Amino acid sequence: MEDHRKIKISCLPIVTPILLVPKPDGTPLLCVDYQGSNKITIKNKYPLPLMRQLRSWLGKATIFIKLVLNNSDYLVYIVEGDAWKTAF
């Protein structure tokens, strides 16, 4: 996908180190260190709505749309200065 310019290598200072550590049975265990990312993450500024509130809003809806985004993560437009906020 890099050859087709769908993605590009990031040179940003925000990184999440990943290690594969062998388990006692020999299979690999994925270990991810999110401490650096957690330091810059902005916490929720407001609580999520309750399920009963969501259902009441949805109960008033008359038009529904099914949106399928299979393999289209790279098609989402990212504003020039916000690329450091993305990861996959």
PDB file of N, CA and C in Angstrom:
ATOM      1  N   MET A   1       0.807  -1.181   0.000  1.00  0.00           N
ATOM      2  CA  MET A   1       0.000   0.000   0.000  1.00  0.00           C
ATOM      3  C   MET A   1       0.861   1.259   0.000  1.00  0.00           C
ATOM      4  N   GLU A   2       2.077   1.133   0.515  1.00  0.00           N
ATOM      5  CA  GLU A   2       2.978   2.282   0.489  1.00  0.00           C
ATOM      6  C   GLU A   2       3.371   2.628  -0.942  1.00  0.00           C
ATOM      7  N   ASP A   3       3.552   1.607  -1.782  1.00  0.00           N
ATOM      8  CA  ASP A   3       3.901   1.846  -3.185  1.00  0.00           C
ATOM      9  C   ASP A   3       2.790   2.588  -3.927  1.00  0.00           C
ATOM     10  N   HIS A   4       1.549   2.364  -3.525  1.00  0.00           N
ATOM     11  CA  HIS A   4       0.406   3.018  -4.168  1.00  0.00           C
ATOM     12  C   HIS A   4       0.029   4.327  -3.481  1.00  0.00           C
ATOM     13  N   ARG A   5       0.854   4.771  -2.543  1.00  0.00           N
ATOM     14  CA  ARG A   5       0.655   6.025  -1.803  1.00  0.00           C
ATOM     15  C   ARG A   5      -0.648   6.055  -1.008  1.00  0.00           C
ATOM     16  N   LYS A   6      -1.088   4.879  -0.538  1.00  0.00           N
ATOM     17  CA  LYS A   6      -2.263   4.804   0.328  1.00  0.00           C
ATOM     18  C   LYS A   6      -1.856   5.062   1.769  1.00  0.00           C
ATOM     19  N   ILE A   7      -0.642   4.638   2.136  1.00  0.00           N
ATOM     20  CA  ILE A   7      -0.098   4.862   3.467  1.00  0.00           C
ATOM     21  C   ILE A   7       1.316   5.387   3.324  1.00  0.00           C
ATOM     22  N   LYS A   8       1.864   5.950   4.399  1.00  0.00           N
ATOM     23  CA  LYS A   8       3.254   6.383   4.377  1.00  0.00           C
ATOM     24  C   LYS A   8       3.882   6.101   5.732  1.00  0.00           C
ATOM     25  N   ILE A   9       5.185   5.948   5.731  1.00  0.00           N
ATOM     26  CA  ILE A   9       5.937   5.662   6.947  1.00  0.00           C
ATOM     27  C   ILE A   9       5.919   6.904   7.827  1.00  0.00           C
ATOM     28  N   SER A  10       5.681   6.698   9.109  1.00  0.00           N
ATOM     29  CA  SER A  10       5.636   7.808  10.048  1.00  0.00           C
ATOM     30  C   SER A  10       7.019   8.032  10.659  1.00  0.00           C
ATOM     31  N   CYS A  11       7.421   9.284  10.740  1.00  0.00           N
ATOM     32  CA  CYS A  11       8.682   9.657  11.382  1.00  0.00           C
ATOM     33  C   CYS A  11       8.401  10.509  12.625  1.00  0.00           C
ATOM     34  N   LEU A  12       7.243  10.321  13.232  1.00  0.00           N
ATOM     35  CA  LEU A  12       6.835  11.124  14.374  1.00  0.00           C
ATOM     36  C   LEU A  12       7.470  10.611  15.661  1.00  0.00           C
ATOM     37  N   PRO A  13       7.650  11.484  16.648  1.00  0.00           N
ATOM     38  CA  PRO A  13       8.279  11.063  17.897  1.00  0.00           C
ATOM     39  C   PRO A  13       7.391  10.203  18.775  1.00  0.00           C
ATOM     40  N   ILE A  14       6.105  10.109  18.466  1.00  0.00           N
ATOM     41  CA  ILE A  14       5.200   9.302  19.273  1.00  0.00           C
ATOM     42  C   ILE A  14       5.268   7.869  18.772  1.00  0.00           C
ATOM     43  N   VAL A  15       5.778   6.984  19.590  1.00  0.00           N
ATOM     44  CA  VAL A  15       5.912   5.584  19.210  1.00  0.00           C
ATOM     45  C   VAL A  15       5.376   4.705  20.333  1.00  0.00           C
ATOM     46  N   THR A  16       4.996   3.503  19.985  1.00  0.00           N
ATOM     47  CA  THR A  16       4.562   2.508  20.944  1.00  0.00           C
ATOM     48  C   THR A  16       5.425   1.271  20.728  1.00  0.00           C
ATOM     49  N   PRO A  17       6.376   1.029  21.625  1.00  0.00           N
ATOM     50  CA  PRO A  17       7.243  -0.137  21.451  1.00  0.00           C
ATOM     51  C   PRO A  17       6.463  -1.450  21.565  1.00  0.00           C
ATOM     52  N   ILE A  18       6.794  -2.398  20.710  1.00  0.00           N
ATOM     53  CA  ILE A  18       6.143  -3.704  20.702  1.00  0.00           C
ATOM     54  C   ILE A  18       7.219  -4.779  20.769  1.00  0.00           C
ATOM     55  N   LEU A  19       7.019  -5.742  21.640  1.00  0.00           N
ATOM     56  CA  LEU A  19       7.944  -6.868  21.791  1.00  0.00           C
ATOM     57  C   LEU A  19       7.177  -8.175  21.676  1.00  0.00           C
ATOM     58  N   LEU A  20       7.797  -9.181  21.129  1.00  0.00           N
ATOM     59  CA  LEU A  20       7.254 -10.537  21.157  1.00  0.00           C
ATOM     60  C   LEU A  20       8.078 -11.330  22.158  1.00  0.00           C
ATOM     61  N   VAL A  21       7.443 -11.742  23.247  1.00  0.00           N
ATOM     62  CA  VAL A  21       8.114 -12.466  24.321  1.00  0.00           C
ATOM     63  C   VAL A  21       7.615 -13.904  24.297  1.00  0.00           C
ATOM     64  N   PRO A  22       8.517 -14.888  24.373  1.00  0.00           N
ATOM     65  CA  PRO A  22       8.051 -16.277  24.347  1.00  0.00           C
ATOM     66  C   PRO A  22       7.353 -16.663  25.653  1.00  0.00           C
ATOM     67  N   LYS A  23       6.199 -17.312  25.516  1.00  0.00           N
ATOM     68  CA  LYS A  23       5.477 -17.849  26.672  1.00  0.00           C
ATOM     69  C   LYS A  23       6.155 -19.148  27.094  1.00  0.00           C
ATOM     70  N   PRO A  24       5.817 -19.688  28.256  1.00  0.00           N
ATOM     71  CA  PRO A  24       6.436 -20.951  28.692  1.00  0.00           C
ATOM     72  C   PRO A  24       6.254 -22.102  27.705  1.00  0.00           C
ATOM     73  N   ASP A  25       5.161 -22.081  26.926  1.00  0.00           N
ATOM     74  CA  ASP A  25       4.956 -23.161  25.963  1.00  0.00           C
ATOM     75  C   ASP A  25       5.648 -22.889  24.620  1.00  0.00           C
ATOM     76  N   GLY A  26       6.338 -21.738  24.522  1.00  0.00           N
ATOM     77  CA  GLY A  26       7.094 -21.421  23.314  1.00  0.00           C
ATOM     78  C   GLY A  26       6.378 -20.528  22.326  1.00  0.00           C
ATOM     79  N   THR A  27       5.073 -20.335  22.475  1.00  0.00           N
ATOM     80  CA  THR A  27       4.349 -19.452  21.560  1.00  0.00           C
ATOM     81  C   THR A  27       4.633 -17.996  21.917  1.00  0.00           C
ATOM     82  N   PRO A  28       4.619 -17.098  20.941  1.00  0.00           N
ATOM     83  CA  PRO A  28       4.936 -15.703  21.221  1.00  0.00           C
ATOM     84  C   PRO A  28       3.783 -14.970  21.918  1.00  0.00           C
ATOM     85  N   LEU A  29       4.144 -14.048  22.797  1.00  0.00           N
ATOM     86  CA  LEU A  29       3.191 -13.187  23.490  1.00  0.00           C
ATOM     87  C   LEU A  29       3.487 -11.753  23.085  1.00  0.00           C
ATOM     88  N   LEU A  30       2.490 -11.042  22.583  1.00  0.00           N
ATOM     89  CA  LEU A  30       2.657  -9.661  22.143  1.00  0.00           C
ATOM     90  C   LEU A  30       2.585  -8.744  23.358  1.00  0.00           C
ATOM     91  N   CYS A  31       3.647  -7.978  23.601  1.00  0.00           N
ATOM     92  CA  CYS A  31       3.695  -7.018  24.704  1.00  0.00           C
ATOM     93  C   CYS A  31       3.824  -5.615  24.110  1.00  0.00           C
ATOM     94  N   VAL A  32       2.888  -4.738  24.471  1.00  0.00           N
ATOM     95  CA  VAL A  32       2.845  -3.385  23.936  1.00  0.00           C
ATOM     96  C   VAL A  32       2.955  -2.399  25.083  1.00  0.00           C
ATOM     97  N   ASP A  33       3.834  -1.401  24.942  1.00  0.00           N
ATOM     98  CA  ASP A  33       4.027  -0.383  25.980  1.00  0.00           C
ATOM     99  C   ASP A  33       3.314   0.902  25.559  1.00  0.00           C
ATOM    100  N   TYR A  34       2.140   1.161  26.161  1.00  0.00           N
ATOM    101  CA  TYR A  34       1.343   2.331  25.818  1.00  0.00           C
ATOM    102  C   TYR A  34       1.585   3.513  26.747  1.00  0.00           C
ATOM    103  N   GLN A  35       2.598   3.477  27.591  1.00  0.00           N
ATOM    104  CA  GLN A  35       2.812   4.542  28.569  1.00  0.00           C
ATOM    105  C   GLN A  35       3.007   5.899  27.908  1.00  0.00           C
ATOM    106  N   GLY A  36       3.780   5.978  26.847  1.00  0.00           N
ATOM    107  CA  GLY A  36       4.003   7.252  26.164  1.00  0.00           C
ATOM    108  C   GLY A  36       2.736   7.792  25.523  1.00  0.00           C
ATOM    109  N   SER A  37       1.964   6.910  24.905  1.00  0.00           N
ATOM    110  CA  SER A  37       0.708   7.335  24.284  1.00  0.00           C
ATOM    111  C   SER A  37      -0.299   7.780  25.332  1.00  0.00           C
ATOM    112  N   ASN A  38      -0.341   7.082  26.461  1.00  0.00           N
ATOM    113  CA  ASN A  38      -1.289   7.436  27.517  1.00  0.00           C
ATOM    114  C   ASN A  38      -1.004   8.817  28.092  1.00  0.00           C
ATOM    115  N   LYS A  39       0.255   9.236  28.098  1.00  0.00           N
ATOM    116  CA  LYS A  39       0.605  10.548  28.655  1.00  0.00           C
ATOM    117  C   LYS A  39       0.021  11.695  27.833  1.00  0.00           C
ATOM    118  N   ILE A  40      -0.094  11.516  26.512  1.00  0.00           N
ATOM    119  CA  ILE A  40      -0.584  12.610  25.663  1.00  0.00           C
ATOM    120  C   ILE A  40      -2.058  12.472  25.305  1.00  0.00           C
ATOM    121  N   THR A  41      -2.683  11.366  25.707  1.00  0.00           N
ATOM    122  CA  THR A  41      -4.084  11.147  25.370  1.00  0.00           C
ATOM    123  C   THR A  41      -4.973  12.085  26.163  1.00  0.00           C
ATOM    124  N   ILE A  42      -5.904  12.745  25.484  1.00  0.00           N
ATOM    125  CA  ILE A  42      -6.863  13.624  26.138  1.00  0.00           C
ATOM    126  C   ILE A  42      -8.009  12.755  26.651  1.00  0.00           C
ATOM    127  N   LYS A  43      -8.286  12.840  27.921  1.00  0.00           N
ATOM    128  CA  LYS A  43      -9.334  12.024  28.529  1.00  0.00           C
ATOM    129  C   LYS A  43     -10.706  12.523  28.080  1.00  0.00           C
ATOM    130  N   ASN A  44     -11.729  11.693  28.271  1.00  0.00           N
ATOM    131  CA  ASN A  44     -13.094  12.071  27.904  1.00  0.00           C
ATOM    132  C   ASN A  44     -13.503  13.337  28.632  1.00  0.00           C
ATOM    133  N   LYS A  45     -14.070  14.289  27.903  1.00  0.00           N
ATOM    134  CA  LYS A  45     -14.492  15.547  28.503  1.00  0.00           C
ATOM    135  C   LYS A  45     -15.937  15.491  28.971  1.00  0.00           C
ATOM    136  N   TYR A  46     -16.695  14.483  28.528  1.00  0.00           N
ATOM    137  CA  TYR A  46     -18.086  14.335  28.927  1.00  0.00           C
ATOM    138  C   TYR A  46     -18.409  12.845  28.950  1.00  0.00           C
ATOM    139  N   PRO A  47     -19.363  12.435  29.762  1.00  0.00           N
ATOM    140  CA  PRO A  47     -19.685  11.004  29.836  1.00  0.00           C
ATOM    141  C   PRO A  47     -20.436  10.533  28.592  1.00  0.00           C
ATOM    142  N   LEU A  48     -20.316   9.261  28.294  1.00  0.00           N
ATOM    143  CA  LEU A  48     -21.059   8.671  27.190  1.00  0.00           C
ATOM    144  C   LEU A  48     -22.536   8.610  27.562  1.00  0.00           C
ATOM    145  N   PRO A  49     -23.438   8.755  26.584  1.00  0.00           N
ATOM    146  CA  PRO A  49     -24.864   8.689  26.905  1.00  0.00           C
ATOM    147  C   PRO A  49     -25.270   7.284  27.351  1.00  0.00           C
ATOM    148  N   LEU A  50     -26.314   7.218  28.146  1.00  0.00           N
ATOM    149  CA  LEU A  50     -26.829   5.935  28.615  1.00  0.00           C
ATOM    150  C   LEU A  50     -27.533   5.204  27.476  1.00  0.00           C
ATOM    151  N   MET A  51     -27.584   3.881  27.558  1.00  0.00           N
ATOM    152  CA  MET A  51     -28.213   3.084  26.509  1.00  0.00           C
ATOM    153  C   MET A  51     -29.685   3.444  26.349  1.00  0.00           C
ATOM    154  N   ARG A  52     -30.400   3.681  27.447  1.00  0.00           N
ATOM    155  CA  ARG A  52     -31.832   4.011  27.323  1.00  0.00           C
ATOM    156  C   ARG A  52     -32.012   5.349  26.597  1.00  0.00           C
ATOM    157  N   GLN A  53     -31.069   6.275  26.794  1.00  0.00           N
ATOM    158  CA  GLN A  53     -31.126   7.560  26.091  1.00  0.00           C
ATOM    159  C   GLN A  53     -30.858   7.356  24.604  1.00  0.00           C
ATOM    160  N   LEU A  54     -29.888   6.508  24.263  1.00  0.00           N
ATOM    161  CA  LEU A  54     -29.597   6.211  22.861  1.00  0.00           C
ATOM    162  C   LEU A  54     -30.789   5.547  22.180  1.00  0.00           C
ATOM    163  N   ARG A  55     -31.437   4.599  22.884  1.00  0.00           N
ATOM    164  CA  ARG A  55     -32.600   3.924  22.321  1.00  0.00           C
ATOM    165  C   ARG A  55     -33.754   4.890  22.079  1.00  0.00           C
ATOM    166  N   SER A  56     -33.932   5.849  22.983  1.00  0.00           N
ATOM    167  CA  SER A  56     -35.020   6.816  22.795  1.00  0.00           C
ATOM    168  C   SER A  56     -34.744   7.707  21.580  1.00  0.00           C
ATOM    169  N   TRP A  57     -33.486   8.076  21.353  1.00  0.00           N
ATOM    170  CA  TRP A  57     -33.139   8.860  20.169  1.00  0.00           C
ATOM    171  C   TRP A  57     -33.356   8.040  18.907  1.00  0.00           C
ATOM    172  N   LEU A  58     -32.939   6.777  18.939  1.00  0.00           N
ATOM    173  CA  LEU A  58     -33.060   5.906  17.775  1.00  0.00           C
ATOM    174  C   LEU A  58     -34.519   5.578  17.488  1.00  0.00           C
ATOM    175  N   GLY A  59     -35.356   5.531  18.516  1.00  0.00           N
ATOM    176  CA  GLY A  59     -36.769   5.232  18.329  1.00  0.00           C
ATOM    177  C   GLY A  59     -37.491   6.268  17.499  1.00  0.00           C
ATOM    178  N   LYS A  60     -36.973   7.473  17.425  1.00  0.00           N
ATOM    179  CA  LYS A  60     -37.587   8.545  16.643  1.00  0.00           C
ATOM    180  C   LYS A  60     -37.093   8.556  15.194  1.00  0.00           C
ATOM    181  N   ALA A  61     -36.118   7.735  14.874  1.00  0.00           N
ATOM    182  CA  ALA A  61     -35.536   7.727  13.529  1.00  0.00           C
ATOM    183  C   ALA A  61     -36.466   7.033  12.542  1.00  0.00           C
ATOM    184  N   THR A  62     -36.468   7.507  11.310  1.00  0.00           N
ATOM    185  CA  THR A  62     -37.288   6.899  10.263  1.00  0.00           C
ATOM    186  C   THR A  62     -36.457   6.398   9.088  1.00  0.00           C
ATOM    187  N   ILE A  63     -35.239   6.877   8.959  1.00  0.00           N
ATOM    188  CA  ILE A  63     -34.364   6.461   7.859  1.00  0.00           C
ATOM    189  C   ILE A  63     -33.091   5.860   8.455  1.00  0.00           C
ATOM    190  N   PHE A  64     -32.724   4.682   7.968  1.00  0.00           N
ATOM    191  CA  PHE A  64     -31.516   4.014   8.441  1.00  0.00           C
ATOM    192  C   PHE A  64     -30.608   3.745   7.250  1.00  0.00           C
ATOM    193  N   ILE A  65     -29.315   3.835   7.469  1.00  0.00           N
ATOM    194  CA  ILE A  65     -28.326   3.616   6.415  1.00  0.00           C
ATOM    195  C   ILE A  65     -27.347   2.558   6.893  1.00  0.00           C
ATOM    196  N   LYS A  66     -27.034   1.626   6.035  1.00  0.00           N
ATOM    197  CA  LYS A  66     -26.022   0.620   6.336  1.00  0.00           C
ATOM    198  C   LYS A  66     -24.729   1.063   5.662  1.00  0.00           C
ATOM    199  N   LEU A  67     -23.690   1.270   6.447  1.00  0.00           N
ATOM    200  CA  LEU A  67     -22.418   1.738   5.931  1.00  0.00           C
ATOM    201  C   LEU A  67     -21.388   0.620   6.085  1.00  0.00           C
ATOM    202  N   VAL A  68     -20.838   0.159   4.988  1.00  0.00           N
ATOM    203  CA  VAL A  68     -19.853  -0.923   5.005  1.00  0.00           C
ATOM    204  C   VAL A  68     -18.495  -0.333   4.661  1.00  0.00           C
ATOM    205  N   LEU A  69     -17.520  -0.497   5.550  1.00  0.00           N
ATOM    206  CA  LEU A  69     -16.186   0.065   5.332  1.00  0.00           C
ATOM    207  C   LEU A  69     -15.119  -1.025   5.340  1.00  0.00           C
ATOM    208  N   ASN A  70     -15.348  -2.084   4.606  1.00  0.00           N
ATOM    209  CA  ASN A  70     -14.361  -3.158   4.544  1.00  0.00           C
ATOM    210  C   ASN A  70     -13.096  -2.683   3.840  1.00  0.00           C
ATOM    211  N   ASN A  71     -11.971  -2.806   4.497  1.00  0.00           N
ATOM    212  CA  ASN A  71     -10.666  -2.467   3.919  1.00  0.00           C
ATOM    213  C   ASN A  71     -10.606  -1.046   3.376  1.00  0.00           C
ATOM    214  N   SER A  72     -11.272  -0.113   4.012  1.00  0.00           N
ATOM    215  CA  SER A  72     -11.255   1.256   3.507  1.00  0.00           C
ATOM    216  C   SER A  72     -10.732   2.235   4.550  1.00  0.00           C
ATOM    217  N   ASP A  73     -10.003   1.751   5.541  1.00  0.00           N
ATOM    218  CA  ASP A  73      -9.450   2.638   6.559  1.00  0.00           C
ATOM    219  C   ASP A  73      -8.523   3.682   5.951  1.00  0.00           C
ATOM    220  N   TYR A  74      -7.818   3.326   4.898  1.00  0.00           N
ATOM    221  CA  TYR A  74      -6.868   4.249   4.289  1.00  0.00           C
ATOM    222  C   TYR A  74      -7.566   5.311   3.434  1.00  0.00           C
ATOM    223  N   LEU A  75      -8.879   5.224   3.244  1.00  0.00           N
ATOM    224  CA  LEU A  75      -9.600   6.206   2.442  1.00  0.00           C
ATOM    225  C   LEU A  75     -10.112   7.386   3.270  1.00  0.00           C
ATOM    226  N   VAL A  76      -9.971   7.314   4.583  1.00  0.00           N
ATOM    227  CA  VAL A  76     -10.437   8.390   5.442  1.00  0.00           C
ATOM    228  C   VAL A  76      -9.483   9.564   5.321  1.00  0.00           C
ATOM    229  N   TYR A  77     -10.026  10.746   5.039  1.00  0.00           N
ATOM    230  CA  TYR A  77      -9.207  11.939   4.878  1.00  0.00           C
ATOM    231  C   TYR A  77      -8.727  12.431   6.242  1.00  0.00           C
ATOM    232  N   ILE A  78      -7.447  12.708   6.368  1.00  0.00           N
ATOM    233  CA  ILE A  78      -6.857  13.215   7.598  1.00  0.00           C
ATOM    234  C   ILE A  78      -6.325  14.615   7.314  1.00  0.00           C
ATOM    235  N   VAL A  79      -6.696  15.566   8.153  1.00  0.00           N
ATOM    236  CA  VAL A  79      -6.210  16.935   8.018  1.00  0.00           C
ATOM    237  C   VAL A  79      -4.695  16.929   8.161  1.00  0.00           C
ATOM    238  N   GLU A  80      -4.017  17.768   7.448  1.00  0.00           N
ATOM    239  CA  GLU A  80      -2.550  17.760   7.367  1.00  0.00           C
ATOM    240  C   GLU A  80      -1.869  17.713   8.725  1.00  0.00           C
ATOM    241  N   GLY A  81      -2.299  18.468   9.717  1.00  0.00           N
ATOM    242  CA  GLY A  81      -1.614  18.486  11.000  1.00  0.00           C
ATOM    243  C   GLY A  81      -2.033  17.405  11.973  1.00  0.00           C
ATOM    244  N   ASP A  82      -3.004  16.544  11.603  1.00  0.00           N
ATOM    245  CA  ASP A  82      -3.532  15.553  12.537  1.00  0.00           C
ATOM    246  C   ASP A  82      -3.053  14.123  12.266  1.00  0.00           C
ATOM    247  N   ALA A  83      -2.100  13.951  11.394  1.00  0.00           N
ATOM    248  CA  ALA A  83      -1.636  12.601  11.062  1.00  0.00           C
ATOM    249  C   ALA A  83      -1.040  11.883  12.268  1.00  0.00           C
ATOM    250  N   TRP A  84      -0.465  12.612  13.203  1.00  0.00           N
ATOM    251  CA  TRP A  84       0.166  11.977  14.368  1.00  0.00           C
ATOM    252  C   TRP A  84      -0.876  11.341  15.278  1.00  0.00           C
ATOM    253  N   LYS A  85      -2.140  11.660  15.124  1.00  0.00           N
ATOM    254  CA  LYS A  85      -3.192  11.097  15.964  1.00  0.00           C
ATOM    255  C   LYS A  85      -3.691   9.741  15.450  1.00  0.00           C
ATOM    256  N   THR A  86      -3.221   9.317  14.292  1.00  0.00           N
ATOM    257  CA  THR A  86      -3.719   8.105  13.692  1.00  0.00           C
ATOM    258  C   THR A  86      -2.771   6.945  13.907  1.00  0.00           C
ATOM    259  N   ALA A  87      -3.315   5.752  13.907  1.00  0.00           N
ATOM    260  CA  ALA A  87      -2.497   4.545  14.027  1.00  0.00           C
ATOM    261  C   ALA A  87      -3.325   3.362  13.556  1.00  0.00           C
ATOM    262  N   PHE A  88      -2.657   2.342  13.060  1.00  0.00           N
ATOM    263  CA  PHE A  88      -3.352   1.085  12.762  1.00  0.00           C
ATOM    264  C   PHE A  88      -2.382  -0.052  12.857  1.00  0.00           C
TER     265      PHE A  88
END
